[in-house]
N, C-alpha and C. Protein backbone atom coordinates (compact mmCIF):
# COMPACT_ATOMS: atom_id res chain seq x y z
N MET A 1 -0.02 33.18 -40.17
CA MET A 1 -0.79 31.96 -40.04
C MET A 1 0.11 30.78 -39.72
N LYS A 2 1.24 30.66 -40.46
CA LYS A 2 2.16 29.57 -40.21
C LYS A 2 2.71 29.65 -38.79
N ARG A 3 2.98 30.85 -38.35
CA ARG A 3 3.54 31.04 -37.01
C ARG A 3 2.55 30.59 -35.93
N THR A 4 1.27 30.88 -36.10
CA THR A 4 0.24 30.48 -35.15
C THR A 4 0.11 28.96 -35.11
N LEU A 5 0.12 28.33 -36.28
CA LEU A 5 0.02 26.87 -36.35
C LEU A 5 1.23 26.22 -35.68
N LYS A 6 2.41 26.76 -35.97
CA LYS A 6 3.63 26.22 -35.36
C LYS A 6 3.57 26.33 -33.84
N ARG A 7 3.13 27.47 -33.34
CA ARG A 7 3.03 27.67 -31.89
C ARG A 7 2.00 26.72 -31.27
N THR A 8 0.89 26.54 -31.94
CA THR A 8 -0.15 25.62 -31.46
C THR A 8 0.38 24.20 -31.37
N LEU A 9 1.12 23.76 -32.39
CA LEU A 9 1.69 22.42 -32.38
C LEU A 9 2.73 22.27 -31.27
N GLN A 10 3.54 23.30 -31.02
CA GLN A 10 4.53 23.26 -29.95
C GLN A 10 3.85 23.09 -28.58
N VAL A 11 2.81 23.87 -28.35
CA VAL A 11 2.08 23.78 -27.08
C VAL A 11 1.43 22.41 -26.93
N ALA A 12 0.84 21.90 -28.01
CA ALA A 12 0.19 20.59 -27.96
C ALA A 12 1.21 19.49 -27.65
N LEU A 13 2.36 19.54 -28.31
CA LEU A 13 3.40 18.53 -28.09
C LEU A 13 3.93 18.60 -26.66
N THR A 14 4.18 19.79 -26.16
CA THR A 14 4.67 19.97 -24.78
C THR A 14 3.66 19.43 -23.79
N THR A 15 2.39 19.72 -23.99
CA THR A 15 1.33 19.23 -23.10
C THR A 15 1.26 17.71 -23.13
N PHE A 16 1.34 17.12 -24.33
CA PHE A 16 1.31 15.66 -24.45
C PHE A 16 2.48 15.02 -23.71
N VAL A 17 3.69 15.50 -23.91
CA VAL A 17 4.87 14.94 -23.26
C VAL A 17 4.77 15.07 -21.75
N ALA A 18 4.35 16.22 -21.26
CA ALA A 18 4.23 16.42 -19.81
C ALA A 18 3.20 15.47 -19.21
N THR A 19 2.08 15.31 -19.88
CA THR A 19 1.03 14.42 -19.39
C THR A 19 1.48 12.97 -19.42
N ALA A 20 2.14 12.55 -20.47
CA ALA A 20 2.55 11.16 -20.63
C ALA A 20 3.62 10.74 -19.63
N THR A 21 4.43 11.68 -19.16
CA THR A 21 5.52 11.33 -18.26
C THR A 21 5.25 11.65 -16.80
N MET A 22 4.09 12.18 -16.47
CA MET A 22 3.81 12.57 -15.09
C MET A 22 4.00 11.43 -14.10
N GLY A 23 3.47 10.26 -14.37
CA GLY A 23 3.55 9.15 -13.44
C GLY A 23 4.92 8.50 -13.38
N VAL A 24 5.75 8.70 -14.39
CA VAL A 24 7.05 8.04 -14.45
C VAL A 24 7.97 8.51 -13.34
N PHE A 25 7.86 9.78 -12.96
CA PHE A 25 8.77 10.35 -11.98
C PHE A 25 8.15 10.53 -10.60
N ALA A 26 7.00 9.91 -10.35
CA ALA A 26 6.36 10.02 -9.04
C ALA A 26 7.25 9.40 -7.97
N THR A 27 7.32 10.06 -6.79
CA THR A 27 8.18 9.57 -5.72
C THR A 27 7.47 8.57 -4.82
N SER A 28 6.17 8.56 -4.80
CA SER A 28 5.46 7.58 -3.99
C SER A 28 4.14 7.25 -4.65
N ALA A 29 3.61 6.11 -4.29
CA ALA A 29 2.36 5.67 -4.90
C ALA A 29 1.18 6.36 -4.26
N SER A 30 0.21 6.66 -5.04
CA SER A 30 -1.02 7.25 -4.53
C SER A 30 -2.11 6.19 -4.57
N ALA A 31 -3.26 6.56 -4.05
CA ALA A 31 -4.38 5.63 -4.05
C ALA A 31 -4.65 5.17 -5.47
N GLY A 32 -4.90 3.89 -5.64
CA GLY A 32 -5.23 3.34 -6.94
C GLY A 32 -4.05 2.77 -7.70
N ASP A 33 -2.84 2.90 -7.18
CA ASP A 33 -1.65 2.33 -7.82
C ASP A 33 -1.36 0.96 -7.24
N ASN A 34 -0.88 0.03 -8.08
CA ASN A 34 -0.39 -1.25 -7.57
C ASN A 34 0.96 -0.97 -6.93
N THR A 35 1.09 -1.29 -5.67
CA THR A 35 2.28 -0.90 -4.94
C THR A 35 2.60 -1.88 -3.83
N TRP A 36 3.83 -1.84 -3.37
CA TRP A 36 4.21 -2.59 -2.18
C TRP A 36 3.76 -1.83 -0.95
N ILE A 37 3.51 -2.56 0.14
CA ILE A 37 3.35 -1.96 1.46
C ILE A 37 4.55 -2.47 2.24
N SER A 38 5.56 -1.62 2.43
CA SER A 38 6.81 -2.08 3.02
C SER A 38 7.12 -1.35 4.31
N ASN A 39 7.86 -2.06 5.18
CA ASN A 39 8.33 -1.43 6.40
C ASN A 39 9.76 -0.93 6.18
N LYS A 40 10.34 -0.33 7.21
CA LYS A 40 11.67 0.27 7.06
C LYS A 40 12.77 -0.76 6.86
N ALA A 41 12.51 -2.02 7.17
CA ALA A 41 13.50 -3.08 6.98
C ALA A 41 13.44 -3.67 5.56
N GLY A 42 12.50 -3.19 4.74
CA GLY A 42 12.40 -3.68 3.37
C GLY A 42 11.55 -4.93 3.22
N PHE A 43 10.73 -5.22 4.23
CA PHE A 43 9.81 -6.35 4.14
C PHE A 43 8.44 -5.84 3.69
N CYS A 44 7.79 -6.60 2.82
CA CYS A 44 6.48 -6.24 2.28
C CYS A 44 5.40 -7.15 2.83
N ILE A 45 4.20 -6.58 2.98
CA ILE A 45 3.05 -7.40 3.32
C ILE A 45 2.76 -8.28 2.13
N THR A 46 2.70 -9.58 2.36
CA THR A 46 2.55 -10.57 1.30
C THR A 46 1.30 -11.41 1.56
N ALA A 47 0.44 -11.50 0.54
CA ALA A 47 -0.76 -12.34 0.64
C ALA A 47 -0.40 -13.76 0.25
N SER A 48 -0.88 -14.71 1.05
CA SER A 48 -0.65 -16.11 0.77
C SER A 48 -2.01 -16.80 0.71
N GLY A 49 -2.00 -18.09 0.44
CA GLY A 49 -3.25 -18.84 0.33
C GLY A 49 -4.09 -18.80 1.59
N GLY A 50 -5.38 -18.93 1.42
CA GLY A 50 -6.30 -19.01 2.55
C GLY A 50 -6.47 -17.73 3.33
N GLY A 51 -6.10 -16.60 2.75
CA GLY A 51 -6.26 -15.32 3.43
C GLY A 51 -5.12 -14.94 4.35
N THR A 52 -4.07 -15.74 4.37
CA THR A 52 -2.93 -15.50 5.25
C THR A 52 -2.09 -14.33 4.75
N THR A 53 -1.55 -13.53 5.68
CA THR A 53 -0.58 -12.49 5.34
C THR A 53 0.67 -12.70 6.18
N TYR A 54 1.81 -12.34 5.62
CA TYR A 54 3.07 -12.37 6.34
C TYR A 54 4.01 -11.40 5.66
N GLY A 55 5.15 -11.13 6.25
CA GLY A 55 6.13 -10.23 5.67
C GLY A 55 7.29 -10.98 5.08
N THR A 56 7.63 -10.65 3.83
CA THR A 56 8.82 -11.19 3.18
C THR A 56 9.54 -10.03 2.50
N LEU A 57 10.80 -10.24 2.16
CA LEU A 57 11.54 -9.19 1.46
C LEU A 57 10.80 -8.82 0.19
N CYS A 58 10.69 -7.53 -0.07
CA CYS A 58 10.00 -7.05 -1.27
C CYS A 58 10.73 -7.55 -2.51
N GLY A 59 9.97 -8.05 -3.48
CA GLY A 59 10.59 -8.59 -4.68
C GLY A 59 9.74 -8.38 -5.91
N TRP A 60 10.38 -7.96 -6.99
CA TRP A 60 9.69 -7.76 -8.26
C TRP A 60 9.05 -9.07 -8.71
N GLY A 61 7.87 -8.97 -9.28
CA GLY A 61 7.21 -10.13 -9.85
C GLY A 61 6.34 -10.91 -8.88
N ASN A 62 6.32 -10.55 -7.61
CA ASN A 62 5.50 -11.25 -6.63
C ASN A 62 4.15 -10.54 -6.54
N ARG A 63 3.15 -11.07 -7.23
CA ARG A 63 1.82 -10.42 -7.24
C ARG A 63 1.16 -10.44 -5.87
N GLY A 64 1.57 -11.34 -5.01
CA GLY A 64 1.03 -11.38 -3.65
C GLY A 64 1.48 -10.20 -2.81
N GLN A 65 2.42 -9.40 -3.33
CA GLN A 65 2.90 -8.22 -2.62
C GLN A 65 2.34 -6.92 -3.19
N LEU A 66 1.47 -7.01 -4.19
CA LEU A 66 0.93 -5.81 -4.82
C LEU A 66 -0.45 -5.49 -4.26
N TRP A 67 -0.61 -4.27 -3.83
CA TRP A 67 -1.85 -3.81 -3.22
C TRP A 67 -2.28 -2.49 -3.85
N ASP A 68 -3.57 -2.20 -3.82
CA ASP A 68 -4.13 -0.92 -4.27
C ASP A 68 -4.81 -0.25 -3.08
N ARG A 69 -4.52 1.02 -2.89
CA ARG A 69 -5.30 1.80 -1.92
C ARG A 69 -6.49 2.37 -2.68
N VAL A 70 -7.68 1.95 -2.29
CA VAL A 70 -8.91 2.41 -2.92
C VAL A 70 -9.75 3.05 -1.83
N GLY A 71 -9.70 4.37 -1.77
CA GLY A 71 -10.33 5.07 -0.65
C GLY A 71 -9.64 4.65 0.64
N SER A 72 -10.39 4.17 1.60
CA SER A 72 -9.79 3.72 2.85
C SER A 72 -9.53 2.22 2.86
N GLN A 73 -9.85 1.54 1.76
CA GLN A 73 -9.58 0.10 1.67
C GLN A 73 -8.21 -0.14 1.05
N ILE A 74 -7.61 -1.27 1.43
CA ILE A 74 -6.37 -1.74 0.81
C ILE A 74 -6.71 -3.06 0.14
N LYS A 75 -6.72 -3.05 -1.21
CA LYS A 75 -7.13 -4.24 -1.97
C LYS A 75 -5.90 -4.95 -2.53
N LEU A 76 -5.96 -6.28 -2.51
CA LEU A 76 -4.97 -7.08 -3.20
C LEU A 76 -5.12 -6.78 -4.69
N ALA A 77 -4.02 -6.41 -5.35
CA ALA A 77 -4.09 -5.98 -6.74
C ALA A 77 -4.76 -7.02 -7.62
N TYR A 78 -5.55 -6.54 -8.56
CA TYR A 78 -6.23 -7.36 -9.56
C TYR A 78 -7.32 -8.25 -8.97
N THR A 79 -7.78 -7.95 -7.75
CA THR A 79 -8.82 -8.76 -7.11
C THR A 79 -9.86 -7.85 -6.45
N ASN A 80 -10.85 -8.46 -5.86
CA ASN A 80 -11.79 -7.76 -4.98
C ASN A 80 -11.61 -8.29 -3.56
N GLU A 81 -10.35 -8.51 -3.18
CA GLU A 81 -9.99 -9.00 -1.85
C GLU A 81 -9.36 -7.84 -1.07
N CYS A 82 -9.75 -7.65 0.17
CA CYS A 82 -9.29 -6.53 0.98
C CYS A 82 -8.46 -6.98 2.17
N LEU A 83 -7.52 -6.13 2.57
CA LEU A 83 -6.80 -6.34 3.82
C LEU A 83 -7.80 -6.14 4.95
N ASP A 84 -7.85 -7.08 5.86
CA ASP A 84 -8.89 -7.14 6.89
C ASP A 84 -8.21 -7.41 8.23
N SER A 85 -8.94 -7.21 9.32
CA SER A 85 -8.37 -7.50 10.64
C SER A 85 -9.47 -7.79 11.64
N ASP A 86 -9.05 -8.22 12.81
CA ASP A 86 -9.97 -8.41 13.92
C ASP A 86 -9.29 -7.88 15.18
N ARG A 87 -9.91 -8.08 16.32
CA ARG A 87 -9.33 -7.57 17.56
C ARG A 87 -9.50 -8.60 18.67
N HIS A 88 -8.40 -8.82 19.39
CA HIS A 88 -8.40 -9.69 20.57
C HIS A 88 -7.67 -8.93 21.66
N GLY A 89 -8.37 -8.11 22.41
CA GLY A 89 -7.73 -7.29 23.44
C GLY A 89 -6.95 -6.15 22.81
N ILE A 90 -5.64 -6.12 23.07
CA ILE A 90 -4.81 -5.03 22.55
C ILE A 90 -4.07 -5.39 21.27
N THR A 91 -4.38 -6.56 20.68
CA THR A 91 -3.78 -6.97 19.42
C THR A 91 -4.85 -7.56 18.52
N GLY A 92 -4.48 -7.84 17.29
CA GLY A 92 -5.42 -8.46 16.36
C GLY A 92 -4.70 -9.16 15.23
N ASN A 93 -5.43 -9.97 14.51
CA ASN A 93 -4.91 -10.68 13.34
C ASN A 93 -5.13 -9.82 12.10
N VAL A 94 -4.25 -9.98 11.12
CA VAL A 94 -4.40 -9.32 9.83
C VAL A 94 -4.45 -10.41 8.77
N TYR A 95 -5.40 -10.31 7.88
CA TYR A 95 -5.61 -11.31 6.84
C TYR A 95 -6.27 -10.61 5.67
N TRP A 96 -6.55 -11.32 4.60
CA TRP A 96 -7.26 -10.73 3.47
C TRP A 96 -8.44 -11.60 3.12
N GLY A 97 -9.49 -10.97 2.60
CA GLY A 97 -10.69 -11.70 2.21
C GLY A 97 -11.57 -10.84 1.33
N GLN A 98 -12.69 -11.40 0.92
CA GLN A 98 -13.62 -10.70 0.04
C GLN A 98 -13.97 -9.33 0.63
N CYS A 99 -13.87 -8.28 -0.18
CA CYS A 99 -14.24 -6.94 0.28
C CYS A 99 -15.73 -6.92 0.60
N ASN A 100 -16.06 -6.36 1.77
CA ASN A 100 -17.46 -6.33 2.18
C ASN A 100 -17.92 -4.94 2.63
N GLY A 101 -17.03 -3.95 2.59
CA GLY A 101 -17.40 -2.58 2.95
C GLY A 101 -17.42 -2.32 4.44
N GLY A 102 -17.12 -3.33 5.27
CA GLY A 102 -17.12 -3.14 6.71
C GLY A 102 -15.92 -2.35 7.20
N ASN A 103 -16.04 -1.75 8.38
CA ASN A 103 -14.97 -0.91 8.91
C ASN A 103 -13.71 -1.69 9.29
N PHE A 104 -13.80 -3.01 9.48
CA PHE A 104 -12.58 -3.79 9.74
C PHE A 104 -11.68 -3.80 8.51
N GLN A 105 -12.23 -3.45 7.34
CA GLN A 105 -11.46 -3.40 6.09
C GLN A 105 -11.12 -1.97 5.68
N ASN A 106 -11.38 -1.02 6.56
CA ASN A 106 -11.06 0.38 6.28
C ASN A 106 -9.90 0.81 7.15
N TRP A 107 -8.98 1.55 6.54
CA TRP A 107 -7.73 1.93 7.20
C TRP A 107 -7.53 3.43 7.08
N ASP A 108 -6.98 4.04 8.13
CA ASP A 108 -6.64 5.45 8.13
C ASP A 108 -5.13 5.59 8.12
N TYR A 109 -4.64 6.62 7.43
CA TYR A 109 -3.20 6.83 7.25
C TYR A 109 -2.80 8.15 7.90
N VAL A 110 -1.71 8.11 8.68
CA VAL A 110 -1.19 9.33 9.29
C VAL A 110 0.25 9.51 8.80
N ASP A 111 0.48 10.63 8.13
CA ASP A 111 1.80 10.94 7.59
C ASP A 111 2.77 11.21 8.75
N VAL A 112 3.87 10.47 8.79
CA VAL A 112 4.89 10.68 9.82
C VAL A 112 6.17 11.24 9.22
N GLY A 113 6.11 11.66 7.95
CA GLY A 113 7.24 12.31 7.30
C GLY A 113 8.12 11.36 6.52
N GLY A 114 8.83 11.92 5.56
CA GLY A 114 9.78 11.15 4.76
C GLY A 114 9.16 10.09 3.88
N GLY A 115 7.87 10.22 3.55
CA GLY A 115 7.20 9.22 2.72
C GLY A 115 6.65 8.05 3.51
N TRP A 116 6.64 8.13 4.83
CA TRP A 116 6.17 7.05 5.70
C TRP A 116 4.84 7.43 6.35
N VAL A 117 4.00 6.42 6.58
CA VAL A 117 2.71 6.62 7.25
C VAL A 117 2.50 5.53 8.28
N THR A 118 1.72 5.85 9.32
CA THR A 118 1.19 4.78 10.18
C THR A 118 -0.17 4.43 9.60
N VAL A 119 -0.56 3.17 9.78
CA VAL A 119 -1.81 2.67 9.22
C VAL A 119 -2.64 2.12 10.38
N GLN A 120 -3.85 2.66 10.55
CA GLN A 120 -4.69 2.30 11.68
C GLN A 120 -6.03 1.77 11.18
N ASP A 121 -6.45 0.61 11.71
CA ASP A 121 -7.74 0.03 11.37
C ASP A 121 -8.85 0.94 11.91
N ARG A 122 -9.77 1.28 11.06
CA ARG A 122 -10.82 2.23 11.43
C ARG A 122 -11.75 1.66 12.51
N GLU A 123 -12.02 0.37 12.49
CA GLU A 123 -12.94 -0.23 13.46
C GLU A 123 -12.26 -0.51 14.80
N THR A 124 -11.10 -1.16 14.76
CA THR A 124 -10.45 -1.60 16.00
C THR A 124 -9.58 -0.52 16.63
N LYS A 125 -9.18 0.48 15.83
CA LYS A 125 -8.24 1.54 16.25
C LYS A 125 -6.85 0.99 16.54
N LEU A 126 -6.58 -0.25 16.09
CA LEU A 126 -5.25 -0.84 16.26
C LEU A 126 -4.40 -0.51 15.03
N TYR A 127 -3.08 -0.46 15.25
CA TYR A 127 -2.14 -0.11 14.19
C TYR A 127 -1.58 -1.34 13.50
N LEU A 128 -1.36 -1.22 12.20
CA LEU A 128 -0.74 -2.28 11.40
C LEU A 128 0.74 -2.36 11.77
N VAL A 129 1.19 -3.56 12.16
CA VAL A 129 2.60 -3.76 12.55
C VAL A 129 3.13 -5.04 11.90
N MET A 130 4.47 -5.15 11.91
CA MET A 130 5.12 -6.34 11.40
C MET A 130 6.34 -6.59 12.28
N THR A 131 6.49 -7.80 12.76
CA THR A 131 7.62 -8.14 13.62
C THR A 131 8.28 -9.43 13.16
N PRO A 132 9.60 -9.54 13.36
CA PRO A 132 10.32 -10.74 12.92
C PRO A 132 9.86 -12.00 13.64
N GLN A 133 9.85 -13.09 12.90
CA GLN A 133 9.65 -14.42 13.46
C GLN A 133 11.03 -15.07 13.42
N TRP A 134 11.75 -14.99 14.50
CA TRP A 134 13.16 -15.36 14.55
C TRP A 134 13.44 -16.73 13.96
N GLY A 135 14.43 -16.77 13.09
CA GLY A 135 14.88 -18.02 12.49
C GLY A 135 14.07 -18.48 11.29
N THR A 136 13.06 -17.68 10.88
CA THR A 136 12.21 -18.12 9.78
C THR A 136 12.44 -17.33 8.49
N GLY A 137 12.98 -16.13 8.59
CA GLY A 137 13.16 -15.28 7.41
C GLY A 137 11.89 -14.55 6.99
N ILE A 138 10.81 -14.74 7.74
CA ILE A 138 9.57 -14.02 7.46
C ILE A 138 9.19 -13.19 8.67
N GLN A 139 8.21 -12.31 8.49
CA GLN A 139 7.74 -11.49 9.59
C GLN A 139 6.24 -11.65 9.75
N LYS A 140 5.80 -11.53 10.98
CA LYS A 140 4.38 -11.64 11.30
C LYS A 140 3.72 -10.28 11.08
N VAL A 141 2.58 -10.28 10.39
CA VAL A 141 1.78 -9.07 10.20
C VAL A 141 0.59 -9.16 11.15
N TRP A 142 0.39 -8.13 11.96
CA TRP A 142 -0.67 -8.13 12.94
C TRP A 142 -1.04 -6.69 13.28
N THR A 143 -1.94 -6.48 14.23
CA THR A 143 -2.26 -5.13 14.69
C THR A 143 -2.01 -5.03 16.18
N SER A 144 -1.70 -3.82 16.61
CA SER A 144 -1.35 -3.56 18.00
C SER A 144 -1.88 -2.19 18.42
N ASP A 145 -2.07 -2.02 19.73
CA ASP A 145 -2.50 -0.72 20.23
C ASP A 145 -1.35 0.28 20.28
N ARG A 146 -0.13 -0.17 20.01
CA ARG A 146 1.05 0.71 20.00
C ARG A 146 1.55 0.84 18.58
N ASN A 147 1.85 2.07 18.17
CA ASN A 147 2.36 2.24 16.81
C ASN A 147 3.86 2.51 16.82
N ASP A 148 4.49 2.63 17.99
CA ASP A 148 5.92 2.85 18.15
C ASP A 148 6.58 3.36 16.87
N ASP A 149 7.30 2.51 16.17
CA ASP A 149 7.98 2.92 14.95
C ASP A 149 7.50 2.05 13.78
N TYR A 150 6.22 1.72 13.79
CA TYR A 150 5.69 0.87 12.73
C TYR A 150 5.19 1.72 11.58
N ALA A 151 6.12 2.30 10.85
CA ALA A 151 5.78 3.14 9.70
C ALA A 151 5.84 2.31 8.43
N TRP A 152 5.01 2.69 7.49
CA TRP A 152 4.86 1.96 6.23
C TRP A 152 5.05 2.89 5.05
N SER A 153 5.53 2.32 3.97
CA SER A 153 5.67 3.05 2.71
C SER A 153 4.84 2.33 1.65
N PHE A 154 4.02 3.09 0.93
CA PHE A 154 3.28 2.56 -0.20
C PHE A 154 4.05 3.01 -1.44
N TYR A 155 4.98 2.17 -1.88
CA TYR A 155 5.91 2.56 -2.93
C TYR A 155 6.45 1.33 -3.64
N GLY A 156 6.85 1.47 -4.88
CA GLY A 156 7.49 0.38 -5.61
C GLY A 156 6.49 -0.61 -6.15
N GLY A 157 6.96 -1.78 -6.45
CA GLY A 157 6.09 -2.81 -7.00
C GLY A 157 6.23 -2.90 -8.49
N GLU A 158 5.08 -2.90 -9.17
CA GLU A 158 5.06 -3.11 -10.63
C GLU A 158 5.92 -2.12 -11.36
């Protein structure tokens, strides 16, 4: 009897420890995690006032850089604001605003290997890109019909 109880407690403790530490060693963020959206240069999509987005170096403690992937939506962490876009020919603007369920706020992800994905707007079919604004230290976030090497990582953050 003692042996059975001891074995039961060992299994229970092992299960508890394994469950409690599962997320600690994750290599990348999954849907529903507060995470950075960063490019290969280490710049993160950053939400600013008035729905504006731009790229700045990823930094701990910047809540404007934390996003949640919720299904096909990308939500600003701790809000009901979604990454949104429009289309003007072969490019478009990227901004954030109240989630409305429309396809301009839905994004598709294509794994390109090594923990990187391309991100494509479901409505416009344009790809999420970020390019330097020379001399400013920030990068412009926009959409383009070309995905060239615009890969993103959903990793880090909180």
